[in-house]
Protein backbone atom coordinates (compact mmCIF):
# COMPACT_ATOMS: atom_id res chain seq x y z
CA MET A 1 -5.95 -49.52 -19.83
CA THR A 2 -3.17 -47.81 -17.95
CA SER A 3 -3.96 -44.12 -17.63
CA VAL A 4 -1.94 -41.16 -16.42
CA VAL A 5 -3.50 -38.12 -14.79
CA VAL A 6 -1.40 -34.98 -14.76
CA ALA A 7 -2.10 -33.13 -11.51
CA ARG A 8 -0.82 -29.95 -9.89
CA SER A 9 2.72 -31.30 -9.84
CA THR A 10 2.69 -30.90 -13.64
CA LEU A 11 2.57 -27.12 -13.37
CA HIS A 12 5.35 -27.22 -10.80
CA HIS A 13 7.48 -29.24 -13.20
CA LEU A 14 6.67 -26.98 -16.14
CA ASN A 15 7.42 -23.88 -14.08
CA ARG A 16 10.86 -25.13 -13.03
CA CYS A 17 12.05 -26.80 -16.22
CA TRP A 18 10.41 -25.55 -19.39
CA PHE A 19 8.27 -22.44 -19.43
CA PRO A 20 11.16 -19.98 -19.05
CA ALA A 21 12.31 -21.22 -22.46
CA LEU A 22 9.00 -20.81 -24.32
CA ILE A 23 9.50 -19.79 -27.89
CA THR A 24 9.53 -16.12 -28.80
CA SER A 25 6.36 -16.35 -30.87
CA ALA A 26 4.38 -17.23 -27.77
CA LYS A 27 6.05 -14.68 -25.49
CA GLN A 28 3.62 -11.83 -25.96
CA SER A 29 0.62 -13.94 -25.00
CA ILE A 30 2.23 -15.61 -21.99
CA ARG A 31 3.37 -14.15 -18.70
CA PRO A 32 6.36 -15.78 -17.00
CA CYS A 33 5.13 -18.67 -14.89
CA VAL A 34 5.16 -17.98 -11.16
CA LEU A 35 3.64 -20.82 -9.21
CA PRO A 36 1.27 -19.55 -6.49
CA GLN A 37 2.10 -20.50 -2.91
CA TYR A 38 -1.11 -22.50 -2.51
CA ALA A 39 -0.22 -24.63 -5.54
CA ARG A 40 3.30 -25.28 -4.28
CA SER A 41 2.08 -26.35 -0.87
CA SER A 42 -0.63 -28.63 -2.27
CA CYS A 43 1.63 -30.70 -4.51
CA SER A 44 1.82 -33.95 -2.58
CA VAL A 45 3.67 -36.09 -5.13
CA ARG A 46 7.32 -35.42 -5.80
CA VAL A 47 8.27 -36.63 -9.27
CA ARG A 48 11.60 -38.39 -9.42
CA SER A 49 13.87 -38.12 -12.43
CA PHE A 50 14.76 -41.02 -14.72
CA ALA A 51 18.15 -41.15 -12.99
CA ALA A 52 16.47 -42.77 -9.97
CA HIS A 53 15.57 -45.75 -12.16
CA ARG A 54 18.83 -46.36 -14.01
CA ALA A 55 19.02 -49.84 -12.53
CA MET A 56 16.02 -50.70 -14.70
CA GLY A 57 17.65 -49.26 -17.83
CA LYS A 58 16.33 -46.40 -19.90
CA PRO A 59 12.56 -46.16 -20.46
CA LYS A 60 11.55 -47.72 -23.78
CA VAL A 61 9.56 -45.49 -26.11
CA VAL A 62 7.47 -46.16 -29.20
CA PHE A 63 6.18 -43.14 -31.12
CA VAL A 64 2.73 -43.65 -32.64
CA LEU A 65 2.05 -41.44 -35.66
CA GLY A 66 -0.53 -41.12 -38.39
CA PRO A 67 -3.16 -38.69 -39.65
CA PRO A 68 -6.06 -37.64 -37.39
CA GLY A 69 -8.63 -40.43 -37.32
CA SER A 70 -6.21 -43.18 -38.34
CA GLY A 71 -6.98 -45.12 -35.15
CA LYS A 72 -3.90 -44.32 -33.07
CA GLY A 73 -5.80 -44.10 -29.78
CA THR A 74 -7.82 -47.27 -30.40
CA GLN A 75 -4.74 -49.30 -31.27
CA CYS A 76 -2.82 -47.91 -28.30
CA GLU A 77 -5.58 -49.18 -26.00
CA LYS A 78 -5.20 -52.65 -27.48
CA ILE A 79 -1.39 -52.55 -27.18
CA VAL A 80 -1.70 -51.58 -23.51
CA GLN A 81 -3.99 -54.53 -22.82
CA GLU A 82 -1.92 -57.05 -24.80
CA PHE A 83 1.66 -55.93 -24.15
CA GLY A 84 1.56 -53.83 -20.98
CA TYR A 85 2.81 -50.52 -22.31
CA THR A 86 1.65 -47.24 -20.79
CA HIS A 87 -0.16 -45.05 -23.30
CA LEU A 88 0.67 -41.34 -23.23
CA SER A 89 -1.33 -39.27 -25.67
CA ALA A 90 0.28 -35.90 -26.30
CA GLY A 91 -3.12 -34.50 -27.27
CA ASP A 92 -4.85 -35.85 -24.14
CA LEU A 93 -2.13 -34.47 -21.88
CA LEU A 94 -2.47 -31.06 -23.51
CA ARG A 95 -6.25 -31.16 -23.19
CA GLU A 96 -5.96 -32.09 -19.50
CA GLU A 97 -3.61 -29.18 -18.90
CA ARG A 98 -5.92 -26.88 -20.85
CA ASN A 99 -8.87 -27.94 -18.69
CA ARG A 100 -6.99 -27.87 -15.40
CA GLU A 101 -8.37 -25.14 -13.17
CA GLY A 102 -5.91 -22.30 -12.82
CA SER A 103 -3.71 -23.28 -15.77
CA GLU A 104 -1.98 -20.18 -17.05
CA TYR A 105 -1.49 -21.83 -20.43
CA GLY A 106 -4.96 -23.22 -21.03
CA ALA A 107 -5.97 -20.48 -23.45
CA LEU A 108 -2.77 -20.86 -25.48
CA ILE A 109 -3.24 -24.64 -25.72
CA GLU A 110 -6.92 -24.28 -26.68
CA ASP A 111 -6.14 -21.72 -29.39
CA ASN A 112 -3.55 -24.00 -30.96
CA ILE A 113 -5.71 -27.13 -30.77
CA LYS A 114 -8.81 -25.42 -32.15
CA ASN A 115 -6.91 -23.96 -35.10
CA GLY A 116 -5.06 -27.15 -35.93
CA ARG A 117 -1.68 -25.74 -34.94
CA ILE A 118 1.02 -27.51 -32.96
CA VAL A 119 1.46 -26.46 -29.33
CA PRO A 120 4.98 -25.19 -28.43
CA VAL A 121 7.28 -28.14 -27.87
CA GLU A 122 8.37 -26.96 -24.42
CA ILE A 123 4.86 -27.51 -23.10
CA THR A 124 4.35 -30.90 -24.74
CA CYS A 125 7.74 -32.33 -23.79
CA ALA A 126 7.36 -31.20 -20.19
CA LEU A 127 3.96 -32.89 -19.89
CA LEU A 128 5.29 -36.09 -21.45
CA GLU A 129 8.39 -36.24 -19.27
CA ASN A 130 6.42 -35.57 -16.12
CA ALA A 131 3.86 -38.27 -16.98
CA MET A 132 6.62 -40.79 -17.69
CA ASN A 133 8.36 -40.00 -14.40
CA LYS A 134 5.13 -40.38 -12.44
CA THR A 135 4.28 -43.68 -14.11
CA ILE A 136 7.70 -45.19 -13.39
CA GLN A 137 7.55 -43.97 -9.80
CA ALA A 138 4.03 -45.28 -9.22
CA THR A 139 4.07 -48.56 -11.15
CA GLY A 140 7.62 -49.37 -12.22
CA ASN A 141 6.43 -49.69 -15.82
CA ASP A 142 9.08 -48.23 -18.11
CA ARG A 143 7.55 -48.97 -21.54
CA PHE A 144 5.64 -46.14 -23.20
CA LEU A 145 3.56 -45.47 -26.28
CA ILE A 146 3.76 -41.78 -27.11
CA ASP A 147 0.81 -41.07 -29.34
CA GLY A 148 0.71 -38.05 -31.67
CA PHE A 149 4.27 -36.86 -31.11
CA PRO A 150 6.61 -35.64 -32.56
CA ARG A 151 4.47 -33.85 -35.11
CA ASN A 152 6.92 -31.39 -36.69
CA GLU A 153 10.59 -30.46 -36.90
CA ASP A 154 10.35 -28.29 -33.78
CA ASN A 155 8.89 -31.23 -31.84
CA LEU A 156 11.66 -33.50 -33.11
CA GLN A 157 14.43 -31.07 -32.18
CA GLY A 158 12.90 -30.36 -28.78
CA TRP A 159 12.62 -34.06 -27.99
CA THR A 160 16.14 -34.77 -29.28
CA ASN A 161 17.67 -31.99 -27.20
CA LYS A 162 15.85 -32.78 -23.95
CA MET A 163 14.85 -36.44 -23.99
CA ALA A 164 16.68 -38.53 -26.60
CA ASP A 165 19.55 -39.45 -24.28
CA LYS A 166 17.15 -40.34 -21.45
CA VAL A 167 15.12 -43.00 -23.29
CA GLU A 168 15.54 -45.99 -25.60
CA GLN A 169 13.74 -45.33 -28.87
CA GLN A 170 12.35 -48.70 -30.01
CA PHE A 171 10.59 -47.73 -33.24
CA VAL A 172 7.89 -45.54 -34.80
CA LEU A 173 4.48 -47.13 -35.39
CA PHE A 174 2.92 -45.40 -38.39
CA PHE A 175 -0.77 -45.85 -39.23
CA GLU A 176 -1.46 -44.98 -42.85
CA CYS A 177 -5.02 -44.04 -43.89
CA SER A 178 -6.68 -41.81 -46.51
CA GLU A 179 -7.81 -38.31 -45.65
CA GLN A 180 -11.39 -39.07 -46.68
CA GLN A 181 -11.69 -42.12 -44.44
CA CYS A 182 -9.99 -40.38 -41.51
CA THR A 183 -12.27 -37.36 -41.86
CA GLU A 184 -15.37 -39.56 -41.82
CA ARG A 185 -14.13 -41.31 -38.67
CA CYS A 186 -13.38 -38.02 -36.89
CA LEU A 187 -16.73 -36.46 -37.77
CA LYS A 188 -18.51 -39.54 -36.47
CA ARG A 189 -16.41 -39.44 -33.31
CA GLY A 190 -17.20 -35.74 -32.95
CA GLU A 191 -20.90 -36.54 -32.49
CA SER A 192 -20.11 -37.78 -28.98
CA SER A 193 -16.48 -36.90 -28.16
CA GLY A 194 -17.02 -33.27 -27.22
CA ARG A 195 -13.61 -32.46 -28.73
CA SER A 196 -13.33 -28.94 -30.11
CA ASP A 197 -11.24 -30.17 -33.06
CA ASP A 198 -13.57 -32.94 -34.29
CA ASN A 199 -15.29 -30.74 -36.87
CA ALA A 200 -14.85 -30.19 -40.60
CA GLU A 201 -13.07 -26.83 -40.31
CA SER A 202 -10.56 -27.96 -37.68
CA LEU A 203 -9.98 -31.28 -39.45
CA LYS A 204 -8.97 -29.54 -42.67
CA LYS A 205 -6.39 -27.51 -40.74
CA ARG A 206 -5.18 -30.61 -38.89
CA PHE A 207 -4.67 -32.49 -42.15
CA ASN A 208 -2.76 -29.56 -43.63
CA THR A 209 -0.52 -29.58 -40.57
CA TYR A 210 -0.06 -33.34 -40.87
CA ILE A 211 0.87 -33.16 -44.57
CA ASN A 212 3.11 -30.11 -44.25
CA ASP A 213 4.85 -31.01 -41.00
CA THR A 214 4.36 -34.57 -39.75
CA VAL A 215 5.00 -36.45 -43.00
CA ALA A 216 8.56 -35.11 -42.99
CA ILE A 217 9.09 -36.53 -39.49
CA ILE A 218 7.93 -39.97 -40.64
CA LYS A 219 10.34 -39.77 -43.59
CA HIS A 220 13.13 -38.83 -41.19
CA TYR A 221 12.53 -41.97 -39.13
CA GLU A 222 12.20 -44.06 -42.30
CA GLU A 223 15.74 -43.03 -43.22
CA LEU A 224 16.81 -44.33 -39.81
CA GLN A 225 14.92 -47.59 -40.53
CA LEU A 226 12.78 -47.13 -37.44
CA VAL A 227 9.32 -46.96 -39.04
CA LYS A 228 6.85 -49.86 -38.86
CA LYS A 229 4.08 -48.99 -41.32
CA ILE A 230 0.54 -50.37 -41.02
CA ASP A 231 -2.45 -49.99 -43.34
CA ALA A 232 -5.10 -48.54 -40.99
CA SER A 233 -7.99 -48.57 -43.45
CA ALA A 234 -9.38 -51.87 -42.15
CA GLY A 235 -11.38 -52.37 -38.95
CA PRO A 236 -9.67 -52.08 -35.54
CA ASP A 237 -9.38 -55.83 -34.92
CA ALA A 238 -7.89 -56.53 -38.35
CA VAL A 239 -5.40 -53.69 -37.93
CA PHE A 240 -4.40 -55.00 -34.51
CA GLU A 241 -3.42 -58.36 -35.96
CA HIS A 242 -0.64 -56.54 -37.82
CA VAL A 243 0.23 -54.54 -34.71
CA LYS A 244 0.58 -57.74 -32.66
CA ALA A 245 3.03 -59.17 -35.16
CA ILE A 246 5.26 -56.11 -34.79
CA PHE A 247 5.20 -56.01 -31.00
CA GLY A 248 5.63 -59.76 -30.79
CA GLU A 249 9.08 -59.30 -32.32
CA GLN A 250 10.20 -56.95 -29.53
CA LYS A 251 12.18 -58.23 -26.58
């Protein structure tokens, strides 16, 4: 599977492009980002913008949405192997930034994840854009699965304002699954995942967030006729047969 590791250059990118605009609700808990000299000098990879790759056309993006435990990550792995996309998990990128030594925003990210809330869009979009830039620079691959994003209206508006004109939106892959089945999957995963949100209390909050915020985003894309819906209640291999049929239609 193609993987993307966000290194110290991520913080550089966030510092220059996004953090000054962090939403007011987060202001009191966050100091303005000033990148230490040692971090600036140690960033060895300069991330190029999408403009450097216009000859290839705009990067192609598929959003992957569904409730927690619906199998988004598992299916993304299979899509990567079969169709060559790069998988970018918004949640994984946030967890990497949270765990990165010296991250000024780790505590804010952890608090939001643990309590089932959505991290400010400025942080998530910056991590996604930086990871896409690095992938194109390193591999030339310009096809991306963005897993778990956008999750609410703020995410949608943030992406639209900053990224919509830079990418080609192919479609939205929506995995539909019952809350009971998804909860059982997540609790089982939590026995070995080490994730702070794979527990009954966090899952309840995550499902409330999904129902109250993310469902409206799926409906928005349905109105644009961009949603490809898949019943995710079956086993991973059976679900992937339906996924293959959808991706097989893409050019």
